[in-house]
Protein backbone atom coordinates (compact mmCIF):
# COMPACT_ATOMS: atom_id res chain seq x y z
CA UNK A 1 119.54 -41.72 -22.32
CA UNK A 2 115.87 -42.53 -22.34
CA UNK A 3 114.35 -39.36 -23.79
CA UNK A 4 113.03 -38.02 -27.06
CA UNK A 5 115.09 -35.88 -29.37
CA UNK A 6 114.37 -32.15 -29.29
CA UNK A 7 114.54 -29.41 -31.92
CA UNK A 8 116.78 -27.26 -29.72
CA UNK A 9 119.90 -26.08 -31.55
CA UNK A 10 123.03 -27.81 -30.23
CA UNK A 11 125.73 -25.72 -31.91
CA UNK A 12 127.07 -28.83 -33.64
CA UNK A 13 124.96 -28.56 -36.78
CA UNK A 14 124.63 -30.05 -39.31
CA UNK A 15 123.09 -32.91 -37.38
CA UNK A 16 122.38 -36.48 -38.51
CA UNK A 17 125.27 -36.50 -40.96
CA UNK A 18 128.61 -38.29 -41.20
CA UNK A 19 131.60 -36.07 -40.41
CA UNK A 20 135.06 -37.45 -41.23
CA UNK A 21 137.61 -37.44 -38.42
CA UNK A 22 140.40 -39.66 -39.74
CA UNK A 23 140.86 -42.50 -42.21
CA UNK A 24 138.10 -45.01 -41.44
CA UNK A 25 136.62 -42.89 -38.65
CA UNK A 26 133.58 -40.60 -38.60
CA UNK A 27 131.36 -38.97 -36.01
CA UNK A 28 127.67 -38.06 -36.09
CA UNK A 29 126.33 -35.13 -34.10
CA UNK A 30 122.79 -35.94 -33.06
CA UNK A 31 119.98 -33.82 -31.63
CA UNK A 32 119.76 -32.85 -28.00
CA UNK A 33 118.00 -35.26 -25.68
CA UNK A 34 116.32 -34.12 -22.48
CA UNK A 35 118.17 -35.56 -19.48
CA UNK A 36 116.91 -34.55 -16.04
CA UNK A 37 115.29 -31.53 -17.62
CA UNK A 38 118.43 -30.43 -19.48
CA UNK A 39 118.89 -30.50 -23.28
CA UNK A 40 122.07 -32.54 -23.82
CA UNK A 41 123.80 -32.76 -27.24
CA UNK A 42 124.58 -36.28 -28.42
CA UNK A 43 127.27 -37.85 -30.60
CA UNK A 44 127.86 -41.22 -32.25
CA UNK A 45 131.13 -42.60 -33.62
CA UNK A 46 131.50 -44.81 -36.70
CA UNK A 47 134.55 -46.95 -37.48
CA UNK A 48 135.03 -48.90 -40.69
CA UNK A 49 136.77 -52.14 -39.79
CA UNK A 50 139.40 -53.67 -42.03
CA UNK A 51 136.88 -56.18 -43.39
CA UNK A 52 134.56 -53.35 -44.46
CA UNK A 53 131.90 -53.66 -41.74
CA UNK A 54 130.85 -50.54 -39.89
CA UNK A 55 131.12 -50.36 -36.12
CA UNK A 56 128.70 -47.81 -34.63
CA UNK A 57 129.17 -46.52 -31.09
CA UNK A 58 126.21 -45.00 -29.22
CA UNK A 59 123.87 -44.64 -32.24
CA UNK A 60 122.07 -41.31 -32.47
CA UNK A 61 118.84 -40.41 -34.26
CA UNK A 62 118.49 -42.19 -37.59
CA UNK A 63 117.14 -39.96 -40.36
CA UNK A 64 116.53 -40.96 -43.97
CA UNK A 65 119.51 -38.89 -45.06
CA UNK A 66 121.83 -40.46 -42.52
CA UNK A 67 120.65 -43.93 -43.49
CA UNK A 68 121.60 -43.23 -47.11
CA UNK A 69 125.04 -41.99 -46.04
CA UNK A 70 125.63 -45.06 -43.89
CA UNK A 71 124.58 -47.43 -46.67
CA UNK A 72 126.98 -45.70 -49.05
CA UNK A 73 129.79 -46.15 -46.55
CA UNK A 74 129.41 -49.89 -46.04
CA UNK A 75 127.39 -52.60 -44.28
CA UNK A 76 126.59 -52.04 -40.61
CA UNK A 77 128.15 -54.92 -38.75
CA UNK A 78 128.13 -53.89 -35.08
CA UNK A 79 126.00 -51.62 -32.89
CA UNK A 80 127.41 -50.62 -29.51
CA UNK A 81 125.49 -49.54 -26.39
CA UNK A 82 128.45 -48.44 -24.21
CA UNK A 83 126.55 -47.79 -21.00
CA UNK A 84 123.06 -47.91 -19.52
CA UNK A 85 122.12 -44.41 -20.72
CA UNK A 86 123.05 -44.76 -24.38
CA UNK A 87 120.54 -47.02 -26.04
CA UNK A 88 117.68 -44.69 -26.98
CA UNK A 89 118.07 -45.08 -30.74
CA UNK A 90 119.35 -48.67 -30.82
CA UNK A 91 115.96 -50.17 -31.85
CA UNK A 92 115.79 -48.00 -34.99
CA UNK A 93 119.26 -49.05 -36.09
CA UNK A 94 118.57 -52.70 -35.27
CA UNK A 95 115.41 -52.66 -37.35
CA UNK A 96 117.11 -50.92 -40.27
CA UNK A 97 120.14 -53.24 -40.29
CA UNK A 98 118.90 -56.55 -38.85
CA UNK A 99 122.11 -58.30 -39.89
CA UNK A 100 124.14 -56.18 -37.46
CA UNK A 101 125.30 -57.69 -34.18
CA UNK A 102 124.28 -55.68 -31.10
CA UNK A 103 126.70 -55.31 -28.20
CA UNK A 104 126.04 -53.80 -24.78
CA UNK A 105 128.05 -53.03 -21.68
CA UNK A 106 127.20 -55.16 -18.63
CA UNK A 107 123.89 -54.21 -17.04
CA UNK A 108 122.49 -52.23 -19.99
CA UNK A 109 119.70 -54.68 -20.87
CA UNK A 110 118.56 -55.03 -17.24
CA UNK A 111 118.57 -51.28 -16.71
CA UNK A 112 116.53 -50.72 -19.87
CA UNK A 113 114.03 -53.41 -18.87
CA UNK A 114 113.54 -51.77 -15.46
CA UNK A 115 112.46 -48.64 -17.31
CA UNK A 116 110.11 -50.42 -19.65
CA UNK A 117 112.40 -50.53 -22.69
CA UNK A 118 112.45 -53.93 -24.36
CA UNK A 119 115.95 -54.16 -25.83
CA UNK A 120 117.63 -57.21 -27.25
CA UNK A 121 121.40 -57.60 -27.50
CA UNK A 122 123.43 -60.37 -29.07
CA UNK A 123 126.50 -59.95 -26.87
CA UNK A 124 127.68 -58.44 -23.60
CA UNK A 125 130.93 -56.53 -23.94
CA UNK A 126 133.81 -57.97 -21.95
CA UNK A 127 136.72 -56.26 -20.27
CA UNK A 128 139.51 -57.28 -22.61
CA UNK A 129 137.52 -57.67 -25.82
CA UNK A 130 139.52 -60.76 -26.70
CA UNK A 131 136.55 -62.47 -28.36
CA UNK A 132 135.29 -59.41 -30.22
CA UNK A 133 135.51 -59.36 -34.04
CA UNK A 134 137.43 -56.07 -33.88
CA UNK A 135 140.29 -57.46 -31.79
CA UNK A 136 143.56 -55.98 -33.02
CA UNK A 137 141.84 -52.91 -34.44
CA UNK A 138 139.91 -51.53 -31.46
CA UNK A 139 141.03 -52.09 -27.88
CA UNK A 140 138.38 -52.01 -25.19
CA UNK A 141 138.08 -51.69 -21.46
CA UNK A 142 135.11 -51.93 -19.11
CA UNK A 143 135.39 -49.19 -16.52
CA UNK A 144 133.25 -51.04 -14.03
CA UNK A 145 134.49 -50.29 -10.55
CA UNK A 146 130.96 -49.13 -9.76
CA UNK A 147 127.90 -51.31 -9.42
CA UNK A 148 125.78 -48.27 -10.30
CA UNK A 149 127.56 -47.46 -13.56
CA UNK A 150 129.55 -49.50 -16.04
CA UNK A 151 131.00 -47.97 -19.19
CA UNK A 152 132.81 -49.58 -22.11
CA UNK A 153 135.56 -47.42 -23.58
CA UNK A 154 137.37 -48.06 -26.86
CA UNK A 155 140.67 -47.16 -28.52
CA UNK A 156 140.86 -47.17 -32.32
CA UNK A 157 144.49 -48.00 -32.92
CA UNK A 158 144.87 -46.82 -36.51
CA UNK A 159 143.71 -43.28 -35.76
CA UNK A 160 144.93 -43.19 -32.14
CA UNK A 161 141.43 -42.22 -31.04
CA UNK A 162 139.88 -42.93 -27.65
CA UNK A 163 136.07 -43.18 -27.73
CA UNK A 164 134.29 -42.30 -24.48
CA UNK A 165 130.67 -41.76 -23.56
CA UNK A 166 130.04 -40.14 -20.16
CA UNK A 167 133.37 -40.45 -18.34
CA UNK A 168 134.21 -36.94 -19.54
CA UNK A 169 131.67 -34.25 -20.40
CA UNK A 170 132.79 -30.88 -21.78
CA UNK A 171 129.80 -28.68 -22.54
CA UNK A 172 130.51 -25.50 -24.48
CA UNK A 173 128.34 -23.14 -22.48
CA UNK A 174 128.11 -20.59 -25.30
CA UNK A 175 126.11 -23.22 -27.21
CA UNK A 176 123.71 -23.89 -24.32
CA UNK A 177 120.55 -22.07 -23.28
CA UNK A 178 121.45 -19.23 -20.91
CA UNK A 179 119.44 -20.73 -18.03
CA UNK A 180 121.42 -23.98 -18.30
CA UNK A 181 124.90 -22.46 -18.09
CA UNK A 182 125.10 -21.96 -14.28
CA UNK A 183 124.09 -25.59 -13.76
CA UNK A 184 126.94 -26.77 -15.97
CA UNK A 185 129.43 -24.42 -14.30
CA UNK A 186 128.45 -25.61 -10.83
CA UNK A 187 128.74 -29.24 -11.92
CA UNK A 188 132.25 -28.54 -13.21
CA UNK A 189 131.62 -30.03 -16.65
CA UNK A 190 131.87 -26.91 -18.80
CA UNK A 191 134.40 -26.89 -21.62
CA UNK A 192 136.92 -24.78 -19.71
CA UNK A 193 137.79 -27.88 -17.68
CA UNK A 194 135.74 -30.85 -18.92
CA UNK A 195 135.71 -33.75 -16.49
CA UNK A 196 133.69 -36.61 -15.05
CA UNK A 197 130.24 -35.45 -13.90
CA UNK A 198 130.00 -35.38 -10.09
CA UNK A 199 126.97 -37.68 -10.03
CA UNK A 200 128.91 -40.27 -11.97
CA UNK A 201 132.06 -39.80 -9.95
CA UNK A 202 130.16 -40.49 -6.73
CA UNK A 203 128.92 -43.79 -8.13
CA UNK A 204 132.48 -45.09 -8.35
CA UNK A 205 133.08 -45.97 -4.72
CA UNK A 206 136.24 -47.99 -5.36
CA UNK A 207 138.43 -45.08 -6.38
CA UNK A 208 141.56 -47.24 -6.53
CA UNK A 209 140.02 -49.57 -9.11
CA UNK A 210 138.71 -46.58 -11.06
CA UNK A 211 142.16 -44.96 -11.08
CA UNK A 212 143.70 -48.18 -12.38
CA UNK A 213 141.27 -48.20 -15.32
CA UNK A 214 141.89 -44.52 -16.03
CA UNK A 215 145.65 -45.05 -16.07
CA UNK A 216 145.22 -47.87 -18.54
CA UNK A 217 143.28 -45.54 -20.83
CA UNK A 218 146.01 -42.92 -20.52
CA UNK A 219 148.55 -45.63 -21.31
CA UNK A 220 146.99 -46.04 -24.76
CA UNK A 221 148.35 -42.54 -25.45
CA UNK A 222 145.49 -41.31 -27.63
CA UNK A 223 145.93 -38.33 -29.92
CA UNK A 224 142.17 -37.73 -30.08
CA UNK A 225 139.35 -38.26 -27.59
CA UNK A 226 135.76 -38.35 -28.85
CA UNK A 227 133.10 -37.57 -26.25
CA UNK A 228 129.37 -38.16 -26.49
CA UNK A 229 128.50 -34.78 -24.95
CA UNK A 230 130.17 -31.45 -25.67
CA UNK A 231 133.43 -30.57 -27.34
CA UNK A 232 135.63 -33.50 -28.25
CA UNK A 233 139.43 -33.29 -28.28
CA UNK A 234 140.96 -33.27 -31.75
CA UNK A 235 144.55 -33.22 -30.51
CA UNK A 236 146.66 -33.69 -27.37
CA UNK A 237 144.26 -36.39 -26.22
CA UNK A 238 146.57 -37.88 -23.60
CA UNK A 239 147.15 -34.48 -22.01
CA UNK A 240 143.40 -33.88 -21.91
CA UNK A 241 142.90 -37.18 -20.08
CA UNK A 242 145.59 -36.29 -17.56
CA UNK A 243 143.90 -32.96 -16.97
CA UNK A 244 140.32 -34.28 -16.79
CA UNK A 245 141.16 -37.09 -14.35
CA UNK A 246 143.86 -35.37 -12.31
CA UNK A 247 141.81 -35.25 -9.10
CA UNK A 248 140.93 -38.92 -9.33
CA UNK A 249 144.55 -39.91 -9.98
CA UNK A 250 146.44 -37.65 -7.60
CA UNK A 251 146.14 -39.86 -4.48
CA UNK A 252 147.20 -42.96 -6.38
CA UNK A 253 150.18 -41.18 -7.91
CA UNK A 254 151.15 -39.53 -4.63
CA UNK A 255 151.12 -42.90 -2.88
CA UNK A 256 153.23 -44.35 -5.71
CA UNK A 257 155.72 -41.50 -5.43
CA UNK A 258 156.05 -42.01 -1.68
CA UNK A 259 156.52 -45.75 -2.20
CA UNK A 260 159.24 -45.14 -4.78
CA UNK A 261 161.02 -42.73 -2.44
CA UNK A 262 160.99 -45.32 0.33
CA UNK A 263 162.39 -47.97 -2.01
CA UNK A 264 165.19 -45.66 -3.11
CA UNK A 265 165.92 -44.78 0.50
CA UNK A 266 166.18 -48.44 1.47
CA UNK A 267 168.40 -49.12 -1.53
CA UNK A 268 170.76 -46.34 -0.56
CA UNK A 269 171.39 -47.82 2.89
C-alpha cells in the first residue's frame, strides 16, 4: 500500500506494539492506511527463527517504542514484502536495521518503481523457498497465477500458522466508519464471511492454477491464519480457508468428484 498512515482508530489498539500469538510468533497492529479512499487497518507478523534472527512480514509503521521492543526481542534478520502493495514502511525498517536482508515477491520492485518509490531488495522470493534461510521452519508458496498480482504466503510450522496478506480480507464492520460499511458489505469482505476481494479475484484469470495453490495452502492444515487486514483467525484455520475459498475451489472439486465416479464405474465393469 502506497499511502500515509492515518490517525483513524482501527479497533485493534494498542497499535505499534508487539502482541504475542504463540511461542516465537508475534503480530503488530499498525495504523490505517488510505487505500482507494478507504482507511484500511494494517498488520505485520514477526517470527523468531531458531537461530535468533527476527523475520518480519509486511512491516508496519515503525515508532520509537516499537523499535525498542523489536531490539529487545532479537536482531532483525529478514524483512518481507509479500506483494506489490505491502512495502510502504520497508525503507524505515531497512534504514533502522541495515544488516537485515530484504525479500520481495516477484514484481514488487518494478511496481514500486512505476509509482516513484525507489526500493531496494536483496532477494526475490521463490515458489518453494528452498534457498531461503528459514527453510525447514517456514514453508512458502508464491500464489502467482496472475500477471497482475503475485503474493507470497508462508506457513510457520512450529505454531501451525499460515501468514497471508491480501488473499483473504475480513473487515469487522463495527470497527469501521459508518460510511465505509456498505462498501465492505457489497465487496463481500466483511468479517461475517471474509474472502478474497473481488478486484483481486478478477486478476487471477487462470482459476485452475489458483485453485491448485489454494489447495496446497489448505494441505498445510493451519490452526491459525494471520491476515493483514481485519480479523485474523486464532483457531480452526483450515476450516476458515475452506470457507473463504469455497467458491474458487468448487469447480475443481466437482470435476475431481466426477472423475473419481467415472473411474469407479469403469473399475466395476
